[in-house]
N, C-alpha and C. Protein backbone atom coordinates (compact mmCIF):
# COMPACT_ATOMS: atom_id res chain seq x y z
N UNK A 1 41.97 -41.44 15.96
CA UNK A 1 41.82 -40.64 14.78
C UNK A 1 40.58 -39.75 14.91
N UNK A 2 40.73 -38.60 14.39
CA UNK A 2 39.62 -37.65 14.37
C UNK A 2 39.23 -37.41 12.92
N UNK A 3 37.95 -37.59 12.66
CA UNK A 3 37.45 -37.34 11.31
C UNK A 3 36.63 -36.06 11.35
N UNK A 4 36.99 -35.17 10.50
CA UNK A 4 36.26 -33.91 10.42
C UNK A 4 35.50 -33.89 9.11
N UNK A 5 34.23 -33.64 9.24
CA UNK A 5 33.41 -33.50 8.04
C UNK A 5 32.83 -32.10 8.02
N UNK A 6 32.56 -31.65 6.87
CA UNK A 6 31.94 -30.34 6.76
C UNK A 6 30.91 -30.39 5.63
N UNK A 7 30.00 -29.50 5.75
CA UNK A 7 29.02 -29.37 4.68
C UNK A 7 28.71 -27.88 4.51
N UNK A 8 28.36 -27.54 3.34
CA UNK A 8 28.04 -26.16 3.03
C UNK A 8 26.60 -25.89 3.47
N UNK A 9 26.44 -25.05 4.48
CA UNK A 9 25.12 -24.73 5.01
C UNK A 9 24.66 -23.35 4.54
N UNK A 10 25.39 -22.79 3.61
CA UNK A 10 25.06 -21.44 3.12
C UNK A 10 23.64 -21.37 2.61
N UNK A 11 23.26 -22.32 1.77
CA UNK A 11 21.92 -22.31 1.19
C UNK A 11 20.86 -22.43 2.27
N UNK A 12 21.04 -23.38 3.19
CA UNK A 12 20.07 -23.58 4.26
C UNK A 12 19.98 -22.34 5.14
N UNK A 13 21.12 -21.74 5.45
CA UNK A 13 21.14 -20.55 6.29
C UNK A 13 20.49 -19.37 5.57
N UNK A 14 20.78 -19.21 4.29
CA UNK A 14 20.18 -18.15 3.50
C UNK A 14 18.67 -18.31 3.46
N UNK A 15 18.19 -19.54 3.26
CA UNK A 15 16.75 -19.79 3.25
C UNK A 15 16.12 -19.49 4.60
N UNK A 16 16.81 -19.84 5.68
CA UNK A 16 16.31 -19.58 7.04
C UNK A 16 16.22 -18.08 7.28
N UNK A 17 17.25 -17.34 6.89
CA UNK A 17 17.24 -15.88 7.05
C UNK A 17 16.10 -15.27 6.24
N UNK A 18 15.92 -15.73 5.01
CA UNK A 18 14.84 -15.22 4.15
C UNK A 18 13.49 -15.53 4.78
N UNK A 19 13.35 -16.72 5.33
CA UNK A 19 12.09 -17.12 5.96
C UNK A 19 11.78 -16.22 7.16
N UNK A 20 12.80 -15.95 7.98
CA UNK A 20 12.63 -15.07 9.14
C UNK A 20 12.30 -13.65 8.67
N UNK A 21 12.99 -13.18 7.64
CA UNK A 21 12.73 -11.84 7.10
C UNK A 21 11.31 -11.76 6.57
N UNK A 22 10.87 -12.78 5.83
CA UNK A 22 9.51 -12.78 5.29
C UNK A 22 8.47 -12.78 6.41
N UNK A 23 8.72 -13.57 7.45
CA UNK A 23 7.81 -13.59 8.59
C UNK A 23 7.78 -12.21 9.25
N UNK A 24 8.92 -11.54 9.28
CA UNK A 24 8.99 -10.20 9.83
C UNK A 24 8.17 -9.21 9.03
N UNK A 25 8.20 -9.34 7.71
CA UNK A 25 7.40 -8.47 6.84
C UNK A 25 5.92 -8.68 7.13
N UNK A 26 5.50 -9.94 7.21
CA UNK A 26 4.10 -10.24 7.49
C UNK A 26 3.71 -9.72 8.87
N UNK A 27 4.57 -9.95 9.88
CA UNK A 27 4.27 -9.45 11.23
C UNK A 27 4.13 -7.94 11.25
N UNK A 28 5.03 -7.26 10.54
CA UNK A 28 4.98 -5.79 10.50
C UNK A 28 3.69 -5.32 9.84
N UNK A 29 3.30 -5.95 8.74
CA UNK A 29 2.07 -5.57 8.07
C UNK A 29 0.84 -5.88 8.92
N UNK A 30 0.89 -6.96 9.70
CA UNK A 30 -0.27 -7.35 10.52
C UNK A 30 -0.64 -6.27 11.53
N UNK A 31 0.33 -5.46 11.94
CA UNK A 31 0.04 -4.41 12.90
C UNK A 31 -0.84 -3.32 12.30
N UNK A 32 -0.70 -3.06 11.02
CA UNK A 32 -1.37 -1.92 10.41
C UNK A 32 -2.40 -2.27 9.33
N UNK A 33 -2.41 -3.48 8.86
CA UNK A 33 -3.24 -3.84 7.71
C UNK A 33 -4.31 -4.84 8.08
N UNK A 34 -5.53 -4.61 7.58
CA UNK A 34 -6.66 -5.47 7.94
C UNK A 34 -6.76 -6.71 7.06
N UNK A 35 -6.22 -6.64 5.84
CA UNK A 35 -6.19 -7.79 4.95
C UNK A 35 -4.76 -7.95 4.46
N UNK A 36 -4.23 -9.16 4.60
CA UNK A 36 -2.87 -9.44 4.17
C UNK A 36 -2.86 -10.81 3.51
N UNK A 37 -2.22 -10.87 2.34
CA UNK A 37 -2.06 -12.18 1.72
C UNK A 37 -0.74 -12.26 0.97
N UNK A 38 -0.32 -13.48 0.78
CA UNK A 38 0.92 -13.80 0.06
C UNK A 38 0.52 -14.38 -1.29
N UNK A 39 1.26 -13.98 -2.33
CA UNK A 39 1.04 -14.53 -3.66
C UNK A 39 2.33 -15.21 -4.09
N UNK A 40 2.25 -16.49 -4.38
CA UNK A 40 3.38 -17.21 -4.96
C UNK A 40 3.48 -16.77 -6.41
N UNK A 41 4.64 -16.22 -6.81
CA UNK A 41 4.73 -15.64 -8.15
C UNK A 41 4.73 -16.70 -9.25
N UNK A 42 5.08 -17.93 -8.93
CA UNK A 42 5.07 -18.99 -9.96
C UNK A 42 3.66 -19.51 -10.21
N UNK A 43 2.97 -19.89 -9.15
CA UNK A 43 1.63 -20.47 -9.30
C UNK A 43 0.53 -19.41 -9.27
N UNK A 44 0.86 -18.22 -8.76
CA UNK A 44 -0.08 -17.11 -8.57
C UNK A 44 -1.19 -17.46 -7.59
N UNK A 45 -0.95 -18.48 -6.77
CA UNK A 45 -1.93 -18.84 -5.73
C UNK A 45 -1.77 -17.92 -4.53
N UNK A 46 -2.89 -17.63 -3.90
CA UNK A 46 -2.93 -16.72 -2.76
C UNK A 46 -3.04 -17.52 -1.46
N UNK A 47 -2.29 -17.07 -0.47
CA UNK A 47 -2.43 -17.56 0.89
C UNK A 47 -2.81 -16.36 1.75
N UNK A 48 -3.99 -16.40 2.37
CA UNK A 48 -4.42 -15.30 3.23
C UNK A 48 -3.80 -15.45 4.61
N UNK A 49 -3.25 -14.35 5.13
CA UNK A 49 -2.75 -14.31 6.51
C UNK A 49 -3.79 -13.66 7.41
N UNK A 50 -4.46 -12.68 6.86
CA UNK A 50 -5.52 -11.98 7.58
C UNK A 50 -6.49 -11.47 6.53
N UNK A 51 -7.79 -11.55 6.85
CA UNK A 51 -8.78 -11.09 5.87
C UNK A 51 -9.85 -10.29 6.61
N UNK A 52 -10.14 -9.11 6.10
CA UNK A 52 -11.15 -8.25 6.73
C UNK A 52 -12.54 -8.78 6.39
N UNK A 53 -13.52 -8.48 7.23
CA UNK A 53 -14.89 -8.93 6.97
C UNK A 53 -15.43 -8.44 5.62
N UNK A 54 -15.07 -7.23 5.21
CA UNK A 54 -15.60 -6.71 3.94
C UNK A 54 -15.06 -7.48 2.74
N UNK A 55 -13.83 -7.95 2.83
CA UNK A 55 -13.26 -8.77 1.75
C UNK A 55 -13.80 -10.19 1.83
N UNK A 56 -13.97 -10.67 3.05
CA UNK A 56 -14.49 -12.03 3.24
C UNK A 56 -15.89 -12.17 2.65
N UNK A 57 -16.67 -11.07 2.65
CA UNK A 57 -18.03 -11.08 2.09
C UNK A 57 -18.04 -11.40 0.59
N UNK A 58 -16.92 -11.15 -0.08
CA UNK A 58 -16.86 -11.42 -1.51
C UNK A 58 -16.89 -12.93 -1.80
N UNK A 59 -16.66 -13.73 -0.75
CA UNK A 59 -16.82 -15.18 -0.82
C UNK A 59 -16.02 -15.82 -1.94
N UNK A 60 -14.70 -15.68 -1.86
CA UNK A 60 -13.82 -16.35 -2.79
C UNK A 60 -13.70 -17.81 -2.38
N UNK A 61 -13.26 -18.65 -3.25
CA UNK A 61 -13.12 -20.06 -2.93
C UNK A 61 -11.90 -20.33 -2.06
N UNK A 62 -11.61 -21.61 -1.84
CA UNK A 62 -10.48 -21.97 -1.00
C UNK A 62 -9.16 -21.86 -1.77
N UNK A 63 -9.17 -22.19 -3.05
CA UNK A 63 -7.96 -22.03 -3.87
C UNK A 63 -8.21 -20.87 -4.82
N UNK A 64 -7.43 -19.85 -4.65
CA UNK A 64 -7.68 -18.62 -5.39
C UNK A 64 -6.41 -18.14 -6.07
N UNK A 65 -6.54 -17.82 -7.34
CA UNK A 65 -5.43 -17.25 -8.09
C UNK A 65 -5.51 -15.73 -8.01
N UNK A 66 -4.36 -15.10 -8.04
CA UNK A 66 -4.30 -13.65 -7.89
C UNK A 66 -5.16 -12.93 -8.92
N UNK A 67 -5.07 -13.31 -10.19
CA UNK A 67 -5.81 -12.57 -11.21
C UNK A 67 -7.32 -12.69 -11.01
N UNK A 68 -7.80 -13.81 -10.45
CA UNK A 68 -9.23 -13.96 -10.15
C UNK A 68 -9.65 -13.00 -9.05
N UNK A 69 -8.84 -12.95 -7.99
CA UNK A 69 -9.13 -12.06 -6.87
C UNK A 69 -9.11 -10.61 -7.35
N UNK A 70 -8.08 -10.25 -8.08
CA UNK A 70 -7.94 -8.87 -8.52
C UNK A 70 -9.09 -8.45 -9.43
N UNK A 71 -9.43 -9.28 -10.41
CA UNK A 71 -10.50 -8.89 -11.34
C UNK A 71 -11.84 -8.79 -10.63
N UNK A 72 -12.09 -9.68 -9.68
CA UNK A 72 -13.35 -9.62 -8.93
C UNK A 72 -13.38 -8.39 -8.03
N UNK A 73 -12.30 -8.16 -7.30
CA UNK A 73 -12.18 -7.01 -6.40
C UNK A 73 -12.27 -5.72 -7.21
N UNK A 74 -11.55 -5.70 -8.33
CA UNK A 74 -11.48 -4.52 -9.19
C UNK A 74 -12.87 -4.14 -9.69
N UNK A 75 -13.63 -5.13 -10.13
CA UNK A 75 -14.94 -4.84 -10.72
C UNK A 75 -16.01 -4.56 -9.67
N UNK A 76 -15.89 -5.12 -8.47
CA UNK A 76 -16.94 -4.98 -7.48
C UNK A 76 -16.74 -3.84 -6.50
N UNK A 77 -15.52 -3.44 -6.23
CA UNK A 77 -15.28 -2.54 -5.11
C UNK A 77 -14.66 -1.21 -5.49
N UNK A 78 -13.69 -1.20 -6.37
CA UNK A 78 -12.92 0.02 -6.64
C UNK A 78 -13.75 1.03 -7.42
N UNK A 79 -13.73 2.28 -6.96
CA UNK A 79 -14.46 3.38 -7.59
C UNK A 79 -13.89 3.61 -9.00
N UNK A 80 -14.77 3.78 -9.96
CA UNK A 80 -14.37 3.93 -11.37
C UNK A 80 -13.26 4.95 -11.56
N UNK A 81 -13.39 6.12 -10.94
CA UNK A 81 -12.42 7.19 -11.14
C UNK A 81 -11.02 6.85 -10.62
N UNK A 82 -10.90 5.84 -9.76
CA UNK A 82 -9.60 5.47 -9.19
C UNK A 82 -9.00 4.20 -9.80
N UNK A 83 -9.69 3.60 -10.73
CA UNK A 83 -9.21 2.35 -11.32
C UNK A 83 -7.88 2.52 -12.05
N UNK A 84 -7.64 3.71 -12.60
CA UNK A 84 -6.38 3.95 -13.30
C UNK A 84 -5.17 3.77 -12.38
N UNK A 85 -5.35 4.01 -11.08
CA UNK A 85 -4.25 3.87 -10.12
C UNK A 85 -3.76 2.43 -10.04
N UNK A 86 -4.64 1.49 -10.35
CA UNK A 86 -4.32 0.07 -10.22
C UNK A 86 -4.16 -0.62 -11.57
N UNK A 87 -4.18 0.16 -12.65
CA UNK A 87 -3.98 -0.43 -13.97
C UNK A 87 -2.65 -1.19 -13.99
N UNK A 88 -2.71 -2.39 -14.51
CA UNK A 88 -1.50 -3.21 -14.62
C UNK A 88 -1.26 -4.10 -13.41
N UNK A 89 -1.83 -3.73 -12.25
CA UNK A 89 -1.58 -4.53 -11.05
C UNK A 89 -2.42 -5.80 -11.02
N UNK A 90 -3.19 -6.06 -12.05
CA UNK A 90 -3.95 -7.30 -12.15
C UNK A 90 -3.09 -8.47 -12.60
N UNK A 91 -1.86 -8.15 -12.97
CA UNK A 91 -0.94 -9.19 -13.45
C UNK A 91 0.32 -9.21 -12.61
N UNK A 92 0.70 -10.39 -12.18
CA UNK A 92 1.91 -10.54 -11.37
C UNK A 92 3.12 -10.00 -12.13
N UNK A 93 3.19 -10.24 -13.42
CA UNK A 93 4.33 -9.78 -14.21
C UNK A 93 4.46 -8.25 -14.14
N UNK A 94 3.36 -7.54 -14.15
CA UNK A 94 3.39 -6.07 -14.04
C UNK A 94 3.86 -5.63 -12.67
N UNK A 95 3.43 -6.33 -11.64
CA UNK A 95 3.88 -6.01 -10.28
C UNK A 95 5.38 -6.25 -10.15
N UNK A 96 5.83 -7.38 -10.66
CA UNK A 96 7.27 -7.69 -10.59
C UNK A 96 8.09 -6.65 -11.35
N UNK A 97 7.59 -6.19 -12.47
CA UNK A 97 8.28 -5.15 -13.24
C UNK A 97 8.36 -3.86 -12.42
N UNK A 98 7.27 -3.50 -11.77
CA UNK A 98 7.24 -2.28 -10.95
C UNK A 98 8.15 -2.40 -9.72
N UNK A 99 8.36 -3.63 -9.25
CA UNK A 99 9.18 -3.86 -8.06
C UNK A 99 10.66 -4.08 -8.38
N UNK A 100 11.05 -4.01 -9.63
CA UNK A 100 12.45 -4.25 -10.00
C UNK A 100 13.41 -3.31 -9.28
N UNK A 101 13.01 -2.07 -9.12
CA UNK A 101 13.92 -1.07 -8.56
C UNK A 101 13.57 -0.65 -7.15
N UNK A 102 12.54 -1.25 -6.56
CA UNK A 102 12.16 -0.89 -5.20
C UNK A 102 11.66 -2.10 -4.44
N UNK A 103 11.66 -1.99 -3.13
CA UNK A 103 11.26 -3.09 -2.26
C UNK A 103 9.73 -3.16 -2.12
N UNK A 104 9.07 -2.00 -2.24
CA UNK A 104 7.62 -2.00 -2.05
C UNK A 104 6.97 -0.89 -2.86
N UNK A 105 5.65 -1.01 -2.99
CA UNK A 105 4.83 -0.02 -3.68
C UNK A 105 3.64 0.27 -2.77
N UNK A 106 3.29 1.54 -2.63
CA UNK A 106 2.11 1.93 -1.85
C UNK A 106 1.18 2.76 -2.72
N UNK A 107 -0.10 2.47 -2.62
CA UNK A 107 -1.12 3.16 -3.41
C UNK A 107 -2.33 3.42 -2.51
N UNK A 108 -2.93 4.60 -2.65
CA UNK A 108 -4.19 4.89 -1.97
C UNK A 108 -5.25 5.11 -3.04
N UNK A 109 -6.37 4.44 -2.89
CA UNK A 109 -7.48 4.54 -3.84
C UNK A 109 -8.79 4.51 -3.07
N UNK A 110 -9.87 4.80 -3.77
CA UNK A 110 -11.19 4.77 -3.14
C UNK A 110 -11.93 3.49 -3.53
N UNK A 111 -12.65 2.95 -2.55
CA UNK A 111 -13.42 1.74 -2.79
C UNK A 111 -14.78 1.88 -2.11
N UNK A 112 -15.77 1.22 -2.69
CA UNK A 112 -17.11 1.24 -2.09
C UNK A 112 -17.25 -0.02 -1.25
N UNK A 113 -17.31 0.19 0.06
CA UNK A 113 -17.39 -0.92 1.01
C UNK A 113 -18.62 -0.70 1.89
N UNK A 114 -19.50 -1.68 1.92
CA UNK A 114 -20.74 -1.58 2.69
C UNK A 114 -21.49 -0.29 2.36
N UNK A 115 -21.61 0.01 1.08
CA UNK A 115 -22.34 1.18 0.57
C UNK A 115 -21.73 2.51 1.01
N UNK A 116 -20.47 2.50 1.38
CA UNK A 116 -19.78 3.73 1.78
C UNK A 116 -18.46 3.82 1.03
N UNK A 117 -18.14 5.00 0.51
CA UNK A 117 -16.87 5.18 -0.17
C UNK A 117 -15.79 5.42 0.88
N UNK A 118 -14.73 4.61 0.80
CA UNK A 118 -13.63 4.68 1.78
C UNK A 118 -12.32 4.78 1.02
N UNK A 119 -11.34 5.40 1.65
CA UNK A 119 -9.99 5.42 1.11
C UNK A 119 -9.27 4.17 1.62
N UNK A 120 -8.65 3.44 0.71
CA UNK A 120 -7.95 2.20 1.04
C UNK A 120 -6.48 2.35 0.67
N UNK A 121 -5.63 1.95 1.57
CA UNK A 121 -4.20 1.93 1.29
C UNK A 121 -3.78 0.51 0.96
N UNK A 122 -3.02 0.36 -0.11
CA UNK A 122 -2.51 -0.96 -0.49
C UNK A 122 -0.98 -0.88 -0.52
N UNK A 123 -0.35 -1.84 0.09
CA UNK A 123 1.10 -1.92 0.06
C UNK A 123 1.48 -3.28 -0.51
N UNK A 124 2.38 -3.26 -1.47
CA UNK A 124 2.87 -4.49 -2.10
C UNK A 124 4.35 -4.59 -1.77
N UNK A 125 4.76 -5.69 -1.17
CA UNK A 125 6.15 -5.90 -0.77
C UNK A 125 6.67 -7.16 -1.45
N UNK A 126 7.86 -7.06 -2.05
CA UNK A 126 8.42 -8.26 -2.69
C UNK A 126 9.15 -9.11 -1.66
N UNK A 127 9.07 -10.40 -1.85
CA UNK A 127 9.75 -11.37 -1.00
C UNK A 127 10.78 -12.07 -1.87
N UNK A 128 12.04 -11.94 -1.48
CA UNK A 128 13.11 -12.53 -2.28
C UNK A 128 13.71 -13.75 -1.58
N UNK A 129 14.14 -14.68 -2.40
CA UNK A 129 14.82 -15.87 -1.92
C UNK A 129 16.03 -16.05 -2.82
N UNK A 130 17.20 -15.94 -2.23
CA UNK A 130 18.46 -16.03 -2.99
C UNK A 130 18.52 -14.99 -4.11
N UNK A 131 18.02 -13.79 -3.83
CA UNK A 131 18.07 -12.72 -4.81
C UNK A 131 17.02 -12.77 -5.90
N UNK A 132 16.13 -13.74 -5.83
CA UNK A 132 15.07 -13.88 -6.84
C UNK A 132 13.73 -13.67 -6.14
N UNK A 133 12.86 -12.87 -6.76
CA UNK A 133 11.54 -12.63 -6.17
C UNK A 133 10.75 -13.94 -6.21
N UNK A 134 10.40 -14.39 -5.01
CA UNK A 134 9.72 -15.67 -4.83
C UNK A 134 8.22 -15.48 -4.61
N UNK A 135 7.88 -14.32 -4.07
CA UNK A 135 6.48 -14.04 -3.77
C UNK A 135 6.30 -12.57 -3.50
N UNK A 136 5.06 -12.19 -3.34
CA UNK A 136 4.75 -10.83 -2.94
C UNK A 136 3.72 -10.88 -1.82
N UNK A 137 3.81 -9.90 -0.95
CA UNK A 137 2.85 -9.75 0.13
C UNK A 137 2.04 -8.51 -0.18
N UNK A 138 0.73 -8.61 -0.10
CA UNK A 138 -0.14 -7.45 -0.29
C UNK A 138 -0.87 -7.18 1.02
N UNK A 139 -0.84 -5.93 1.43
CA UNK A 139 -1.55 -5.51 2.64
C UNK A 139 -2.51 -4.40 2.30
N UNK A 140 -3.69 -4.43 2.91
CA UNK A 140 -4.71 -3.42 2.67
C UNK A 140 -5.14 -2.85 4.02
N UNK A 141 -5.30 -1.52 4.06
CA UNK A 141 -5.72 -0.86 5.29
C UNK A 141 -6.68 0.28 4.97
N UNK A 142 -7.54 0.60 5.92
CA UNK A 142 -8.48 1.70 5.77
C UNK A 142 -7.75 3.00 6.07
N UNK A 143 -7.64 3.86 5.07
CA UNK A 143 -6.93 5.14 5.20
C UNK A 143 -7.90 6.30 5.30
N UNK A 144 -9.17 6.03 5.49
CA UNK A 144 -10.18 7.07 5.46
C UNK A 144 -9.91 8.17 6.48
N UNK A 145 -9.64 7.81 7.71
CA UNK A 145 -9.41 8.80 8.76
C UNK A 145 -8.19 9.66 8.43
N UNK A 146 -7.11 9.03 7.98
CA UNK A 146 -5.89 9.76 7.64
C UNK A 146 -6.14 10.74 6.50
N UNK A 147 -6.81 10.29 5.46
CA UNK A 147 -7.09 11.15 4.30
C UNK A 147 -8.00 12.30 4.71
N UNK A 148 -9.03 12.01 5.51
CA UNK A 148 -9.94 13.07 5.96
C UNK A 148 -9.20 14.10 6.82
N UNK A 149 -8.30 13.64 7.68
CA UNK A 149 -7.50 14.56 8.50
C UNK A 149 -6.59 15.41 7.62
N UNK A 150 -5.99 14.81 6.61
CA UNK A 150 -5.14 15.55 5.68
C UNK A 150 -5.94 16.61 4.92
N UNK A 151 -7.14 16.25 4.49
CA UNK A 151 -8.00 17.21 3.79
C UNK A 151 -8.33 18.40 4.69
N UNK A 152 -8.67 18.10 5.96
CA UNK A 152 -9.00 19.16 6.91
C UNK A 152 -7.79 20.08 7.13
N UNK A 153 -6.60 19.51 7.25
CA UNK A 153 -5.39 20.32 7.41
C UNK A 153 -5.15 21.19 6.19
N UNK A 154 -5.36 20.63 5.00
CA UNK A 154 -5.19 21.40 3.77
C UNK A 154 -6.17 22.57 3.72
N UNK A 155 -7.41 22.31 4.13
CA UNK A 155 -8.41 23.38 4.16
C UNK A 155 -8.01 24.47 5.15
N UNK A 156 -7.51 24.07 6.33
CA UNK A 156 -7.08 25.04 7.34
C UNK A 156 -5.89 25.86 6.82
N UNK A 157 -4.96 25.19 6.15
CA UNK A 157 -3.81 25.90 5.58
C UNK A 157 -4.24 26.88 4.50
N UNK A 158 -5.17 26.47 3.66
CA UNK A 158 -5.68 27.35 2.60
C UNK A 158 -6.37 28.57 3.21
N UNK A 159 -7.16 28.36 4.26
CA UNK A 159 -7.84 29.48 4.94
C UNK A 159 -6.83 30.42 5.58
N UNK A 160 -5.79 29.85 6.22
CA UNK A 160 -4.75 30.68 6.84
C UNK A 160 -3.99 31.47 5.78
N UNK A 161 -3.71 30.85 4.65
CA UNK A 161 -3.02 31.55 3.56
C UNK A 161 -3.88 32.70 3.03
N UNK A 162 -5.16 32.48 2.90
CA UNK A 162 -6.07 33.52 2.42
C UNK A 162 -6.11 34.68 3.41
N UNK A 163 -6.15 34.38 4.71
CA UNK A 163 -6.14 35.44 5.73
C UNK A 163 -4.82 36.21 5.69
N UNK A 164 -3.72 35.50 5.47
CA UNK A 164 -2.42 36.17 5.39
C UNK A 164 -2.35 37.08 4.17
N UNK A 165 -2.92 36.68 3.06
CA UNK A 165 -2.95 37.52 1.86
C UNK A 165 -3.77 38.78 2.10
N UNK A 166 -4.91 38.62 2.76
CA UNK A 166 -5.77 39.77 3.07
C UNK A 166 -5.04 40.73 4.00
N UNK A 167 -4.38 40.18 5.03
CA UNK A 167 -3.62 41.01 5.97
C UNK A 167 -2.48 41.73 5.27
N UNK A 168 -1.82 41.04 4.35
CA UNK A 168 -0.72 41.66 3.61
C UNK A 168 -1.22 42.80 2.73
N UNK A 169 -2.36 42.60 2.08
CA UNK A 169 -2.94 43.67 1.25
C UNK A 169 -3.33 44.87 2.11
N UNK A 170 -3.91 44.60 3.28
CA UNK A 170 -4.29 45.69 4.19
C UNK A 170 -3.07 46.46 4.65
N UNK A 171 -2.01 45.74 5.00
CA UNK A 171 -0.77 46.37 5.44
C UNK A 171 -0.18 47.23 4.32
N UNK A 172 -0.16 46.69 3.11
CA UNK A 172 0.38 47.42 1.96
C UNK A 172 -0.43 48.69 1.72
N UNK A 173 -1.76 48.59 1.79
CA UNK A 173 -2.62 49.76 1.58
C UNK A 173 -2.39 50.80 2.67
N UNK A 174 -2.27 50.34 3.93
CA UNK A 174 -2.03 51.25 5.05
C UNK A 174 -0.71 51.98 4.87
N UNK A 175 0.35 51.24 4.56
CA UNK A 175 1.68 51.85 4.37
C UNK A 175 1.67 52.82 3.19
N UNK A 176 0.98 52.49 2.13
CA UNK A 176 0.88 53.38 0.98
C UNK A 176 0.20 54.69 1.38
N UNK A 177 -0.93 54.55 2.11
CA UNK A 177 -1.65 55.75 2.55
C UNK A 177 -0.83 56.60 3.51
N UNK A 178 -0.13 55.94 4.42
CA UNK A 178 0.71 56.67 5.38
C UNK A 178 1.83 57.41 4.67
N UNK A 179 2.50 56.73 3.76
CA UNK A 179 3.61 57.37 3.05
C UNK A 179 3.09 58.51 2.16
N UNK A 180 1.90 58.36 1.64
CA UNK A 180 1.32 59.39 0.80
C UNK A 180 0.94 60.62 1.65
N UNK A 181 0.41 60.36 2.86
CA UNK A 181 0.05 61.45 3.78
C UNK A 181 1.28 62.20 4.28
N UNK A 182 2.36 61.51 4.49
CA UNK A 182 3.57 62.15 5.02
C UNK A 182 4.18 62.99 3.94
């Protein structure tokens, strides 16, 4: 006699796929981001995957809740004029609301790090398990060089546009004078 048994492995397989996908998100962020952490949306506890020296200097404890980290970071580092960009992101519920229709959110803001104002990029990615957001991954990177390069390109484009306007006016004046002389 042959006995065949079966079991539904859908849940286990789905969890394994989600786990691999989540690890992939973290691995992808690790290539570009200097600080990366996971926030469990139920407990709001943070697990650091990578932490930059400037964030490490803030000397948070071993068990850290997201709202504690955010309020401390918000008050100590973020430039006053850019705080509006992060309004609402101090609460997991606000982040989850913002992530309802998208997989991730990216924000660039200015922060004072080691007495220097730097542009910081923040990316928030939702982690789903069985279609329910189980956690979020936050990645932070220094965008200063990129922003400075963009500013320089904008300045070059503005200068080129101004030269083109001057050349166009000169051409128009020349053609007007020529047609008037003829």
